PDB file of all heavy atoms in Angstrom:
ATOM      1  N   LEU A   1       0.845  -1.184   0.001  1.00  0.00           N
ATOM      2  CA  LEU A   1      -0.001   0.002   0.001  1.00  0.00           C
ATOM      3  C   LEU A   1       0.887   1.242   0.000  1.00  0.00           C
ATOM      4  O   LEU A   1       1.708   1.416   0.905  1.00  0.00           O
ATOM      5  CB  LEU A   1      -0.902   0.005   1.242  1.00  0.00           C
ATOM      6  CG  LEU A   1      -1.711  -1.281   1.467  1.00  0.00           C
ATOM      7  CD1 LEU A   1      -2.440  -1.211   2.783  1.00  0.00           C
ATOM      8  CD2 LEU A   1      -2.679  -1.510   0.323  1.00  0.00           C
ATOM      9  N   VAL A   2       0.688   2.089  -0.992  1.00  0.00           N
ATOM     10  CA  VAL A   2       1.545   3.261  -1.170  1.00  0.00           C
ATOM     11  C   VAL A   2       0.728   4.530  -0.971  1.00  0.00           C
ATOM     12  O   VAL A   2      -0.358   4.673  -1.548  1.00  0.00           O
ATOM     13  CB  VAL A   2       2.178   3.268  -2.577  1.00  0.00           C
ATOM     14  CG1 VAL A   2       3.029   4.514  -2.782  1.00  0.00           C
ATOM     15  CG2 VAL A   2       3.014   2.008  -2.786  1.00  0.00           C
ATOM     16  N   ASP A   3       1.272   5.437  -0.181  1.00  0.00           N
ATOM     17  CA  ASP A   3       0.599   6.718   0.019  1.00  0.00           C
ATOM     18  C   ASP A   3       1.639   7.769   0.390  1.00  0.00           C
ATOM     19  O   ASP A   3       2.654   7.456   1.021  1.00  0.00           O
ATOM     20  CB  ASP A   3      -0.451   6.618   1.128  1.00  0.00           C
ATOM     21  CG  ASP A   3      -1.475   7.749   1.072  1.00  0.00           C
ATOM     22  OD1 ASP A   3      -1.136   8.886   1.460  1.00  0.00           O
ATOM     23  OD2 ASP A   3      -2.605   7.496   0.629  1.00  0.00           O
ATOM     24  N   ARG A   4       1.367   8.991   0.022  1.00  0.00           N
ATOM     25  CA  ARG A   4       2.234  10.103   0.419  1.00  0.00           C
ATOM     26  C   ARG A   4       2.242  10.279   1.932  1.00  0.00           C
ATOM     27  O   ARG A   4       3.244  10.662   2.543  1.00  0.00           O
ATOM     28  CB  ARG A   4       1.744  11.389  -0.262  1.00  0.00           C
ATOM     29  CG  ARG A   4       2.475  12.668   0.167  1.00  0.00           C
ATOM     30  CD  ARG A   4       1.824  13.887  -0.472  1.00  0.00           C
ATOM     31  NE  ARG A   4       2.343  15.124   0.097  1.00  0.00           N
ATOM     32  CZ  ARG A   4       3.399  15.769  -0.370  1.00  0.00           C
ATOM     33  NH1 ARG A   4       4.049  15.283  -1.404  1.00  0.00           N
ATOM     34  NH2 ARG A   4       3.814  16.894   0.192  1.00  0.00           N
ATOM     35  N   ALA A   5       1.082  10.014   2.553  1.00  0.00           N
ATOM     36  CA  ALA A   5       0.930  10.051   4.008  1.00  0.00           C
ATOM     37  C   ALA A   5       1.304  11.406   4.605  1.00  0.00           C
ATOM     38  O   ALA A   5       1.848  11.493   5.705  1.00  0.00           O
ATOM     39  CB  ALA A   5       1.748   8.934   4.660  1.00  0.00           C
ATOM     40  N   ASP A   6       0.965  12.459   3.883  1.00  0.00           N
ATOM     41  CA  ASP A   6       1.240  13.808   4.359  1.00  0.00           C
ATOM     42  C   ASP A   6       0.444  14.770   3.483  1.00  0.00           C
ATOM     43  O   ASP A   6       0.092  14.437   2.342  1.00  0.00           O
ATOM     44  CB  ASP A   6       2.736  14.118   4.264  1.00  0.00           C
ATOM     45  CG  ASP A   6       3.126  15.363   5.063  1.00  0.00           C
ATOM     46  OD1 ASP A   6       2.277  15.890   5.805  1.00  0.00           O
ATOM     47  OD2 ASP A   6       4.283  15.805   4.931  1.00  0.00           O
ATOM     48  N   ASP A   7       0.176  15.938   3.981  1.00  0.00           N
ATOM     49  CA  ASP A   7      -0.501  16.947   3.181  1.00  0.00           C
ATOM     50  C   ASP A   7       0.431  17.489   2.100  1.00  0.00           C
ATOM     51  O   ASP A   7       1.662  17.398   2.208  1.00  0.00           O
ATOM     52  CB  ASP A   7      -0.999  18.082   4.057  1.00  0.00           C
ATOM     53  CG  ASP A   7      -2.195  17.676   4.910  1.00  0.00           C
ATOM     54  OD1 ASP A   7      -2.813  16.652   4.600  1.00  0.00           O
ATOM     55  OD2 ASP A   7      -2.485  18.381   5.896  1.00  0.00           O
ATOM     56  N   ASP A   8      -0.172  18.058   1.056  1.00  0.00           N
ATOM     57  CA  ASP A   8       0.574  18.649  -0.043  1.00  0.00           C
ATOM     58  C   ASP A   8       0.259  20.144  -0.050  1.00  0.00           C
ATOM     59  O   ASP A   8      -0.911  20.531  -0.087  1.00  0.00           O
ATOM     60  CB  ASP A   8       0.156  18.009  -1.376  1.00  0.00           C
ATOM     61  CG  ASP A   8       1.018  18.440  -2.544  1.00  0.00           C
ATOM     62  OD1 ASP A   8       1.317  19.640  -2.651  1.00  0.00           O
ATOM     63  OD2 ASP A   8       1.377  17.580  -3.362  1.00  0.00           O
ATOM     64  N   PRO A   9       1.273  20.995  -0.019  1.00  0.00           N
ATOM     65  CA  PRO A   9       1.001  22.443   0.035  1.00  0.00           C
ATOM     66  C   PRO A   9       0.233  22.972  -1.167  1.00  0.00           C
ATOM     67  O   PRO A   9      -0.375  24.043  -1.082  1.00  0.00           O
ATOM     68  CB  PRO A   9       2.402  23.060   0.126  1.00  0.00           C
ATOM     69  CG  PRO A   9       3.334  21.988  -0.333  1.00  0.00           C
ATOM     70  CD  PRO A   9       2.713  20.698   0.046  1.00  0.00           C
ATOM     71  N   ALA A  10       0.241  22.234  -2.283  1.00  0.00           N
ATOM     72  CA  ALA A  10      -0.491  22.686  -3.467  1.00  0.00           C
ATOM     73  C   ALA A  10      -1.984  22.394  -3.372  1.00  0.00           C
ATOM     74  O   ALA A  10      -2.770  22.912  -4.169  1.00  0.00           O
ATOM     75  CB  ALA A  10       0.082  22.029  -4.727  1.00  0.00           C
ATOM     76  N   LEU A  11      -2.375  21.567  -2.408  1.00  0.00           N
ATOM     77  CA  LEU A  11      -3.771  21.166  -2.275  1.00  0.00           C
ATOM     78  C   LEU A  11      -4.388  21.844  -1.061  1.00  0.00           C
ATOM     79  O   LEU A  11      -3.761  21.966  -0.012  1.00  0.00           O
ATOM     80  CB  LEU A  11      -3.877  19.645  -2.133  1.00  0.00           C
ATOM     81  CG  LEU A  11      -3.162  18.823  -3.207  1.00  0.00           C
ATOM     82  CD1 LEU A  11      -3.376  17.328  -2.943  1.00  0.00           C
ATOM     83  CD2 LEU A  11      -3.641  19.195  -4.593  1.00  0.00           C
ATOM     84  N   GLY A  12      -5.622  22.222  -1.204  1.00  0.00           N
ATOM     85  CA  GLY A  12      -6.285  22.960  -0.131  1.00  0.00           C
ATOM     86  C   GLY A  12      -7.129  22.103   0.780  1.00  0.00           C
ATOM     87  O   GLY A  12      -8.031  22.621   1.447  1.00  0.00           O
ATOM     88  N   TYR A  13      -6.872  20.835   0.847  1.00  0.00           N
ATOM     89  CA  TYR A  13      -7.642  19.942   1.713  1.00  0.00           C
ATOM     90  C   TYR A  13      -6.715  18.877   2.281  1.00  0.00           C
ATOM     91  O   TYR A  13      -5.658  18.598   1.709  1.00  0.00           O
ATOM     92  CB  TYR A  13      -8.809  19.306   0.930  1.00  0.00           C
ATOM     93  CG  TYR A  13      -8.380  18.557  -0.318  1.00  0.00           C
ATOM     94  CD1 TYR A  13      -8.097  17.190  -0.272  1.00  0.00           C
ATOM     95  CD2 TYR A  13      -8.257  19.202  -1.536  1.00  0.00           C
ATOM     96  CE1 TYR A  13      -7.714  16.510  -1.414  1.00  0.00           C
ATOM     97  CE2 TYR A  13      -7.871  18.531  -2.679  1.00  0.00           C
ATOM     98  CZ  TYR A  13      -7.600  17.176  -2.613  1.00  0.00           C
ATOM     99  OH  TYR A  13      -7.214  16.505  -3.738  1.00  0.00           O
ATOM    100  N   PRO A  14      -7.081  18.261   3.397  1.00  0.00           N
ATOM    101  CA  PRO A  14      -6.187  17.302   4.045  1.00  0.00           C
ATOM    102  C   PRO A  14      -6.132  15.973   3.294  1.00  0.00           C
ATOM    103  O   PRO A  14      -7.130  15.502   2.740  1.00  0.00           O
ATOM    104  CB  PRO A  14      -6.801  17.123   5.442  1.00  0.00           C
ATOM    105  CG  PRO A  14      -8.252  17.450   5.241  1.00  0.00           C
ATOM    106  CD  PRO A  14      -8.293  18.527   4.187  1.00  0.00           C
ATOM    107  N   LEU A  15      -4.946  15.377   3.304  1.00  0.00           N
ATOM    108  CA  LEU A  15      -4.732  14.066   2.709  1.00  0.00           C
ATOM    109  C   LEU A  15      -4.614  13.020   3.807  1.00  0.00           C
ATOM    110  O   LEU A  15      -4.607  13.335   4.997  1.00  0.00           O
ATOM    111  CB  LEU A  15      -3.466  14.079   1.843  1.00  0.00           C
ATOM    112  CG  LEU A  15      -3.433  15.123   0.724  1.00  0.00           C
ATOM    113  CD1 LEU A  15      -2.142  14.992  -0.084  1.00  0.00           C
ATOM    114  CD2 LEU A  15      -4.648  15.009  -0.179  1.00  0.00           C
ATOM    115  N   ALA A  16      -4.505  11.771   3.408  1.00  0.00           N
ATOM    116  CA  ALA A  16      -4.347  10.688   4.377  1.00  0.00           C
ATOM    117  C   ALA A  16      -3.048  10.874   5.160  1.00  0.00           C
ATOM    118  O   ALA A  16      -2.054  11.386   4.637  1.00  0.00           O
ATOM    119  CB  ALA A  16      -4.349   9.344   3.664  1.00  0.00           C
ATOM    120  N   THR A  17      -3.071  10.456   6.393  1.00  0.00           N
ATOM    121  CA  THR A  17      -1.906  10.553   7.262  1.00  0.00           C
ATOM    122  C   THR A  17      -1.169   9.222   7.334  1.00  0.00           C
ATOM    123  O   THR A  17      -1.657   8.190   6.843  1.00  0.00           O
ATOM    124  CB  THR A  17      -2.330  10.947   8.678  1.00  0.00           C
ATOM    125  OG1 THR A  17      -3.129   9.864   9.226  1.00  0.00           O
ATOM    126  CG2 THR A  17      -3.152  12.221   8.672  1.00  0.00           C
ATOM    127  N   ARG A  18       0.009   9.232   7.957  1.00  0.00           N
ATOM    128  CA  ARG A  18       0.734   7.979   8.166  1.00  0.00           C
ATOM    129  C   ARG A  18      -0.092   7.032   9.039  1.00  0.00           C
ATOM    130  O   ARG A  18      -0.082   5.804   8.815  1.00  0.00           O
ATOM    131  CB  ARG A  18       2.098   8.269   8.818  1.00  0.00           C
ATOM    132  CG  ARG A  18       2.926   7.004   9.086  1.00  0.00           C
ATOM    133  CD  ARG A  18       3.200   6.267   7.785  1.00  0.00           C
ATOM    134  NE  ARG A  18       3.673   4.915   7.986  1.00  0.00           N
ATOM    135  CZ  ARG A  18       4.974   4.568   7.944  1.00  0.00           C
ATOM    136  NH1 ARG A  18       5.899   5.497   7.745  1.00  0.00           N
ATOM    137  NH2 ARG A  18       5.318   3.319   8.101  1.00  0.00           N
ATOM    138  N   HIS A  19      -0.819   7.574   9.988  1.00  0.00           N
ATOM    139  CA  HIS A  19      -1.693   6.739  10.817  1.00  0.00           C
ATOM    140  C   HIS A  19      -2.753   6.057   9.960  1.00  0.00           C
ATOM    141  O   HIS A  19      -3.027   4.865  10.145  1.00  0.00           O
ATOM    142  CB  HIS A  19      -2.360   7.589  11.896  1.00  0.00           C
ATOM    143  CG  HIS A  19      -3.387   6.832  12.696  1.00  0.00           C
ATOM    144  ND1 HIS A  19      -3.060   5.902  13.650  1.00  0.00           N
ATOM    145  CD2 HIS A  19      -4.757   6.869  12.637  1.00  0.00           C
ATOM    146  CE1 HIS A  19      -4.166   5.388  14.164  1.00  0.00           C
ATOM    147  NE2 HIS A  19      -5.208   5.962  13.575  1.00  0.00           N
ATOM    148  N   ASP A  20      -3.351   6.806   9.025  1.00  0.00           N
ATOM    149  CA  ASP A  20      -4.357   6.214   8.136  1.00  0.00           C
ATOM    150  C   ASP A  20      -3.762   5.065   7.330  1.00  0.00           C
ATOM    151  O   ASP A  20      -4.371   3.992   7.189  1.00  0.00           O
ATOM    152  CB  ASP A  20      -4.905   7.271   7.171  1.00  0.00           C
ATOM    153  CG  ASP A  20      -5.674   8.367   7.878  1.00  0.00           C
ATOM    154  OD1 ASP A  20      -6.302   8.079   8.915  1.00  0.00           O
ATOM    155  OD2 ASP A  20      -5.629   9.515   7.397  1.00  0.00           O
ATOM    156  N   LEU A  21      -2.568   5.301   6.774  1.00  0.00           N
ATOM    157  CA  LEU A  21      -1.910   4.279   5.956  1.00  0.00           C
ATOM    158  C   LEU A  21      -1.607   3.040   6.796  1.00  0.00           C
ATOM    159  O   LEU A  21      -1.882   1.905   6.381  1.00  0.00           O
ATOM    160  CB  LEU A  21      -0.629   4.847   5.350  1.00  0.00           C
ATOM    161  CG  LEU A  21       0.255   3.875   4.559  1.00  0.00           C
ATOM    162  CD1 LEU A  21      -0.491   3.296   3.359  1.00  0.00           C
ATOM    163  CD2 LEU A  21       1.529   4.577   4.108  1.00  0.00           C
ATOM    164  N   ASP A  22      -1.039   3.239   7.969  1.00  0.00           N
ATOM    165  CA  ASP A  22      -0.687   2.108   8.823  1.00  0.00           C
ATOM    166  C   ASP A  22      -1.930   1.347   9.278  1.00  0.00           C
ATOM    167  O   ASP A  22      -1.916   0.114   9.402  1.00  0.00           O
ATOM    168  CB  ASP A  22       0.089   2.590  10.051  1.00  0.00           C
ATOM    169  CG  ASP A  22       1.501   3.034   9.708  1.00  0.00           C
ATOM    170  OD1 ASP A  22       1.999   2.663   8.618  1.00  0.00           O
ATOM    171  OD2 ASP A  22       2.101   3.778  10.510  1.00  0.00           O
ATOM    172  N   GLU A  23      -3.008   2.073   9.519  1.00  0.00           N
ATOM    173  CA  GLU A  23      -4.251   1.436   9.956  1.00  0.00           C
ATOM    174  C   GLU A  23      -4.801   0.511   8.877  1.00  0.00           C
ATOM    175  O   GLU A  23      -5.206  -0.633   9.159  1.00  0.00           O
ATOM    176  CB  GLU A  23      -5.272   2.522  10.312  1.00  0.00           C
ATOM    177  CG  GLU A  23      -6.535   2.000  10.948  1.00  0.00           C
ATOM    178  CD  GLU A  23      -7.433   3.138  11.410  1.00  0.00           C
ATOM    179  OE1 GLU A  23      -7.827   3.968  10.558  1.00  0.00           O
ATOM    180  OE2 GLU A  23      -7.730   3.200  12.613  1.00  0.00           O
ATOM    181  N   VAL A  24      -4.815   0.987   7.625  1.00  0.00           N
ATOM    182  CA  VAL A  24      -5.294   0.145   6.524  1.00  0.00           C
ATOM    183  C   VAL A  24      -4.348  -1.034   6.306  1.00  0.00           C
ATOM    184  O   VAL A  24      -4.787  -2.164   6.031  1.00  0.00           O
ATOM    185  CB  VAL A  24      -5.463   0.966   5.232  1.00  0.00           C
ATOM    186  CG1 VAL A  24      -5.875   0.075   4.066  1.00  0.00           C
ATOM    187  CG2 VAL A  24      -6.502   2.066   5.439  1.00  0.00           C
ATOM    188  N   ALA A  25      -3.051  -0.796   6.418  1.00  0.00           N
ATOM    189  CA  ALA A  25      -2.086  -1.880   6.259  1.00  0.00           C
ATOM    190  C   ALA A  25      -2.289  -2.963   7.310  1.00  0.00           C
ATOM    191  O   ALA A  25      -2.268  -4.165   7.018  1.00  0.00           O
ATOM    192  CB  ALA A  25      -0.667  -1.331   6.321  1.00  0.00           C
ATOM    193  N   GLU A  26      -2.509  -2.539   8.550  1.00  0.00           N
ATOM    194  CA  GLU A  26      -2.743  -3.517   9.616  1.00  0.00           C
ATOM    195  C   GLU A  26      -4.035  -4.292   9.387  1.00  0.00           C
ATOM    196  O   GLU A  26      -4.092  -5.521   9.566  1.00  0.00           O
ATOM    197  CB  GLU A  26      -2.800  -2.797  10.964  1.00  0.00           C
ATOM    198  CG  GLU A  26      -2.988  -3.741  12.140  1.00  0.00           C
ATOM    199  CD  GLU A  26      -2.954  -3.024  13.476  1.00  0.00           C
ATOM    200  OE1 GLU A  26      -2.754  -1.792  13.487  1.00  0.00           O
ATOM    201  OE2 GLU A  26      -3.124  -3.705  14.516  1.00  0.00           O
ATOM    202  N   GLU A  27      -5.063  -3.586   8.960  1.00  0.00           N
ATOM    203  CA  GLU A  27      -6.369  -4.217   8.729  1.00  0.00           C
ATOM    204  C   GLU A  27      -6.314  -5.232   7.599  1.00  0.00           C
ATOM    205  O   GLU A  27      -6.995  -6.260   7.640  1.00  0.00           O
ATOM    206  CB  GLU A  27      -7.397  -3.129   8.416  1.00  0.00           C
ATOM    207  CG  GLU A  27      -8.798  -3.628   8.192  1.00  0.00           C
ATOM    208  CD  GLU A  27      -9.763  -2.505   7.869  1.00  0.00           C
ATOM    209  OE1 GLU A  27      -9.411  -1.329   8.087  1.00  0.00           O
ATOM    210  OE2 GLU A  27     -10.874  -2.800   7.392  1.00  0.00           O
ATOM    211  N   THR A  28      -5.520  -4.949   6.572  1.00  0.00           N
ATOM    212  CA  THR A  28      -5.488  -5.793   5.370  1.00  0.00           C
ATOM    213  C   THR A  28      -4.306  -6.756   5.331  1.00  0.00           C
ATOM    214  O   THR A  28      -4.210  -7.560   4.405  1.00  0.00           O
ATOM    215  CB  THR A  28      -5.442  -4.915   4.111  1.00  0.00           C
ATOM    216  OG1 THR A  28      -4.247  -4.113   4.129  1.00  0.00           O
ATOM    217  CG2 THR A  28      -6.662  -4.017   4.019  1.00  0.00           C
ATOM    218  N   GLY A  29      -3.402  -6.643   6.302  1.00  0.00           N
ATOM    219  CA  GLY A  29      -2.196  -7.456   6.262  1.00  0.00           C
ATOM    220  C   GLY A  29      -1.221  -6.992   5.210  1.00  0.00           C
ATOM    221  O   GLY A  29      -0.315  -7.742   4.813  1.00  0.00           O
ATOM    222  N   GLY A  30      -1.361  -5.755   4.757  1.00  0.00           N
ATOM    223  CA  GLY A  30      -0.508  -5.224   3.698  1.00  0.00           C
ATOM    224  C   GLY A  30       0.767  -4.611   4.243  1.00  0.00           C
ATOM    225  O   GLY A  30       0.931  -4.429   5.453  1.00  0.00           O
ATOM    226  N   VAL A  31       1.653  -4.271   3.329  1.00  0.00           N
ATOM    227  CA  VAL A  31       2.908  -3.608   3.662  1.00  0.00           C
ATOM    228  C   VAL A  31       2.759  -2.131   3.305  1.00  0.00           C
ATOM    229  O   VAL A  31       2.437  -1.787   2.164  1.00  0.00           O
ATOM    230  CB  VAL A  31       4.084  -4.207   2.873  1.00  0.00           C
ATOM    231  CG1 VAL A  31       5.389  -3.513   3.258  1.00  0.00           C
ATOM    232  CG2 VAL A  31       4.174  -5.713   3.107  1.00  0.00           C
ATOM    233  N   ALA A  32       2.968  -1.255   4.274  1.00  0.00           N
ATOM    234  CA  ALA A  32       2.825   0.182   4.055  1.00  0.00           C
ATOM    235  C   ALA A  32       4.133   0.768   3.550  1.00  0.00           C
ATOM    236  O   ALA A  32       5.193   0.529   4.124  1.00  0.00           O
ATOM    237  CB  ALA A  32       2.420   0.869   5.348  1.00  0.00           C
ATOM    238  N   VAL A  33       4.048   1.533   2.460  1.00  0.00           N
ATOM    239  CA  VAL A  33       5.197   2.228   1.896  1.00  0.00           C
ATOM    240  C   VAL A  33       4.833   3.700   1.725  1.00  0.00           C
ATOM    241  O   VAL A  33       3.853   4.021   1.050  1.00  0.00           O
ATOM    242  CB  VAL A  33       5.617   1.638   0.529  1.00  0.00           C
ATOM    243  CG1 VAL A  33       6.718   2.481  -0.114  1.00  0.00           C
ATOM    244  CG2 VAL A  33       6.069   0.194   0.692  1.00  0.00           C
ATOM    245  N   VAL A  34       5.588   4.579   2.341  1.00  0.00           N
ATOM    246  CA  VAL A  34       5.350   6.015   2.185  1.00  0.00           C
ATOM    247  C   VAL A  34       6.087   6.484   0.951  1.00  0.00           C
ATOM    248  O   VAL A  34       7.319   6.373   0.856  1.00  0.00           O
ATOM    249  CB  VAL A  34       5.826   6.789   3.428  1.00  0.00           C
ATOM    250  CG1 VAL A  34       5.697   8.294   3.193  1.00  0.00           C
ATOM    251  CG2 VAL A  34       5.025   6.363   4.647  1.00  0.00           C
ATOM    252  N   ALA A  35       5.343   6.989  -0.025  1.00  0.00           N
ATOM    253  CA  ALA A  35       5.944   7.439  -1.284  1.00  0.00           C
ATOM    254  C   ALA A  35       4.987   8.348  -2.006  1.00  0.00           C
ATOM    255  O   ALA A  35       3.759   8.176  -1.940  1.00  0.00           O
ATOM    256  CB  ALA A  35       6.294   6.243  -2.179  1.00  0.00           C
ATOM    257  N   ASP A  36       5.535   9.326  -2.698  1.00  0.00           N
ATOM    258  CA  ASP A  36       4.771  10.205  -3.576  1.00  0.00           C
ATOM    259  C   ASP A  36       4.753   9.569  -4.963  1.00  0.00           C
ATOM    260  O   ASP A  36       5.798   9.118  -5.459  1.00  0.00           O
ATOM    261  CB  ASP A  36       5.449  11.580  -3.630  1.00  0.00           C
ATOM    262  CG  ASP A  36       4.589  12.640  -4.300  1.00  0.00           C
ATOM    263  OD1 ASP A  36       4.142  12.406  -5.451  1.00  0.00           O
ATOM    264  OD2 ASP A  36       4.381  13.702  -3.700  1.00  0.00           O
ATOM    265  N   VAL A  37       3.594   9.525  -5.612  1.00  0.00           N
ATOM    266  CA  VAL A  37       3.495   8.843  -6.898  1.00  0.00           C
ATOM    267  C   VAL A  37       4.261   9.561  -8.010  1.00  0.00           C
ATOM    268  O   VAL A  37       4.416   9.022  -9.103  1.00  0.00           O
ATOM    269  CB  VAL A  37       2.027   8.653  -7.325  1.00  0.00           C
ATOM    270  CG1 VAL A  37       1.310   7.718  -6.356  1.00  0.00           C
ATOM    271  CG2 VAL A  37       1.298   9.986  -7.438  1.00  0.00           C
ATOM    272  N   ARG A  38       4.746  10.766  -7.736  1.00  0.00           N
ATOM    273  CA  ARG A  38       5.580  11.478  -8.712  1.00  0.00           C
ATOM    274  C   ARG A  38       7.054  11.127  -8.575  1.00  0.00           C
ATOM    275  O   ARG A  38       7.884  11.611  -9.366  1.00  0.00           O
ATOM    276  CB  ARG A  38       5.382  12.989  -8.551  1.00  0.00           C
ATOM    277  CG  ARG A  38       3.971  13.463  -8.869  1.00  0.00           C
ATOM    278  CD  ARG A  38       3.698  14.870  -8.360  1.00  0.00           C
ATOM    279  NE  ARG A  38       3.552  14.886  -6.900  1.00  0.00           N
ATOM    280  CZ  ARG A  38       3.118  15.921  -6.211  1.00  0.00           C
ATOM    281  NH1 ARG A  38       2.766  17.034  -6.834  1.00  0.00           N
ATOM    282  NH2 ARG A  38       3.021  15.860  -4.885  1.00  0.00           N
ATOM    283  N   ASP A  39       7.384  10.291  -7.608  1.00  0.00           N
ATOM    284  CA  ASP A  39       8.771   9.948  -7.291  1.00  0.00           C
ATOM    285  C   ASP A  39       9.085   8.574  -7.862  1.00  0.00           C
ATOM    286  O   ASP A  39       8.724   7.544  -7.260  1.00  0.00           O
ATOM    287  CB  ASP A  39       8.932   9.973  -5.772  1.00  0.00           C
ATOM    288  CG  ASP A  39      10.359   9.723  -5.317  1.00  0.00           C
ATOM    289  OD1 ASP A  39      11.162   9.185  -6.100  1.00  0.00           O
ATOM    290  OD2 ASP A  39      10.661  10.052  -4.156  1.00  0.00           O
TER     291      ASP A  39
END
């Protein structure tokens, strides 16, 4: 599971947090990876 896990200054609304990512990873048995899809 890949997510930026942080807000983006170019966007005017909140994004998912590291807690959100880790919570879904724990629930699904997935591996959490913090990454921006532009990277």
